Amino acid sequence: MASSSMLKLSVAFLMCMMVAALAAVVLQAAVAPECKLLTPMFMAFCGPAVAADVVPGRPCCVMLDMMNSRMDAQASCQCIKAAVQNITGYNWFYSSQIPKKCGAYPSFPISRGVNCSRAVSE
């Protein structure tokens, strides 16, 4: 039983380290993110919460918080909007709940129909 808990802890730690490493690359200049990096991160970490009523994992929440404080909002919005277009089973209600569940509120909704020109950086 202890080894199962240790394995779960190790996996969680590795996921957080992966988020931190990828975020460091994306946020290096603290400006416009590259969608080729941000989109797969969003799909991996937040995708399940966009298609089902599940609590987003810590990596998803950390990424949303970083998007809100360190990235160009309009560029981030475009990347996320493109990512959401490709999620099978996308549900507007579930995606709208992700920021609330994370306590991280980007300046744009996570939506297929978002107008990214209205997103503003802090």
Protein backbone atom coordinates (compact mmCIF):
# COMPACT_ATOMS: atom_id res chain seq x y z
CA MET A 1 0.00 0.00 0.00
CA ALA A 2 2.82 2.37 0.83
CA SER A 3 4.43 1.77 -2.56
CA SER A 4 1.16 2.74 -4.28
CA SER A 5 1.07 6.03 -2.40
CA MET A 6 4.73 6.63 -3.17
CA LEU A 7 4.10 5.96 -6.86
CA LYS A 8 1.20 8.43 -6.94
CA LEU A 9 3.32 11.04 -5.19
CA SER A 10 6.18 10.47 -7.63
CA VAL A 11 3.88 10.81 -10.64
CA ALA A 12 2.39 14.03 -9.24
CA PHE A 13 5.86 15.40 -8.58
CA LEU A 14 7.03 14.54 -12.10
CA MET A 15 3.95 16.20 -13.63
CA CYS A 16 4.59 19.37 -11.66
CA MET A 17 8.22 19.36 -12.72
CA MET A 18 7.16 18.90 -16.33
CA VAL A 19 4.76 21.84 -16.07
CA ALA A 20 7.47 23.98 -14.54
CA ALA A 21 9.96 23.06 -17.26
CA LEU A 22 7.51 23.66 -20.09
CA ALA A 23 6.27 26.85 -18.52
CA ALA A 24 9.84 28.12 -18.21
CA VAL A 25 10.28 27.65 -21.95
CA VAL A 26 6.95 29.28 -22.77
CA LEU A 27 7.42 32.13 -20.32
CA GLN A 28 11.09 32.78 -20.91
CA ALA A 29 10.54 36.28 -22.23
CA ALA A 30 7.28 36.80 -20.34
CA VAL A 31 5.58 37.85 -23.54
CA ALA A 32 3.63 36.11 -26.27
CA PRO A 33 3.60 32.34 -25.80
CA GLU A 34 4.24 30.00 -28.66
CA CYS A 35 1.12 28.01 -29.44
CA LYS A 36 3.19 24.98 -30.42
CA LEU A 37 4.14 24.73 -26.73
CA LEU A 38 1.09 26.16 -24.98
CA THR A 39 -1.55 24.23 -26.94
CA PRO A 40 -0.24 20.72 -26.12
CA MET A 41 0.19 21.73 -22.48
CA PHE A 42 -3.40 22.94 -22.33
CA MET A 43 -4.68 19.81 -24.08
CA ALA A 44 -2.77 17.51 -21.72
CA PHE A 45 -3.44 19.32 -18.46
CA CYS A 46 -6.83 21.01 -18.95
CA GLY A 47 -8.41 19.00 -21.78
CA PRO A 48 -10.19 16.46 -19.56
CA ALA A 49 -11.85 19.27 -17.56
CA VAL A 50 -13.14 20.90 -20.78
CA ALA A 51 -14.98 17.75 -21.82
CA ALA A 52 -16.23 16.42 -18.48
CA ASP A 53 -17.28 17.60 -15.06
CA VAL A 54 -13.96 16.86 -13.35
CA VAL A 55 -11.75 18.91 -11.09
CA PRO A 56 -8.79 20.18 -13.13
CA GLY A 57 -5.44 18.96 -11.93
CA ARG A 58 -2.82 21.17 -10.34
CA PRO A 59 -0.81 21.44 -13.59
CA CYS A 60 -3.84 22.91 -15.37
CA CYS A 61 -4.40 25.44 -12.60
CA VAL A 62 -0.74 26.46 -12.49
CA MET A 63 -0.79 27.00 -16.24
CA LEU A 64 -3.92 29.20 -16.05
CA ASP A 65 -2.34 31.25 -13.29
CA MET A 66 0.80 31.76 -15.38
CA MET A 67 -1.27 32.76 -18.41
CA ASN A 68 -2.99 35.35 -16.32
CA SER A 69 0.10 36.95 -14.87
CA ARG A 70 3.02 36.42 -17.22
CA MET A 71 1.81 35.96 -20.78
CA ASP A 72 0.39 38.20 -23.44
CA ALA A 73 -3.36 37.73 -22.95
CA GLN A 74 -4.42 38.00 -26.60
CA ALA A 75 -1.77 35.55 -27.78
CA SER A 76 -2.62 33.11 -24.97
CA CYS A 77 -6.29 33.44 -25.83
CA GLN A 78 -5.64 32.58 -29.48
CA CYS A 79 -3.65 29.48 -28.47
CA ILE A 80 -6.31 28.26 -26.05
CA LYS A 81 -9.13 28.99 -28.48
CA ALA A 82 -7.35 26.89 -31.10
CA ALA A 83 -6.78 24.09 -28.57
CA VAL A 84 -10.44 24.02 -27.53
CA GLN A 85 -11.47 23.66 -31.18
CA ASN A 86 -9.78 20.24 -31.23
CA ILE A 87 -11.19 18.79 -28.03
CA THR A 88 -13.67 15.99 -28.66
CA GLY A 89 -16.62 16.29 -26.34
CA TYR A 90 -16.04 20.01 -25.68
CA ASN A 91 -18.65 21.37 -23.28
CA TRP A 92 -19.03 25.13 -22.82
CA PHE A 93 -20.29 24.81 -19.27
CA TYR A 94 -17.44 22.57 -18.13
CA SER A 95 -14.82 24.78 -19.74
CA SER A 96 -16.30 27.88 -18.13
CA GLN A 97 -15.95 26.25 -14.70
CA ILE A 98 -12.21 25.54 -14.96
CA PRO A 99 -11.02 28.99 -13.76
CA LYS A 100 -13.46 28.90 -10.85
CA LYS A 101 -12.34 25.40 -9.83
CA CYS A 102 -8.69 26.47 -10.07
CA GLY A 103 -9.03 29.89 -8.48
CA ALA A 104 -7.08 31.27 -11.46
CA TYR A 105 -8.95 33.64 -13.72
CA PRO A 106 -7.42 34.46 -17.11
CA SER A 107 -8.74 37.66 -18.68
CA PHE A 108 -10.65 35.63 -21.27
CA PRO A 109 -13.12 32.75 -21.06
CA ILE A 110 -12.04 29.28 -22.12
CA SER A 111 -14.37 29.04 -25.06
CA ARG A 112 -14.54 28.27 -28.76
CA GLY A 113 -16.33 31.55 -29.42
CA VAL A 114 -14.18 33.93 -27.38
CA ASN A 115 -13.22 37.27 -28.94
CA CYS A 116 -9.48 37.34 -28.18
CA SER A 117 -9.14 41.01 -29.12
CA ARG A 118 -10.87 41.80 -25.82
CA ALA A 119 -8.37 39.87 -23.68
CA VAL A 120 -6.10 42.14 -21.67
CA SER A 121 -2.82 41.43 -19.88
CA GLU A 122 -2.46 42.43 -16.24
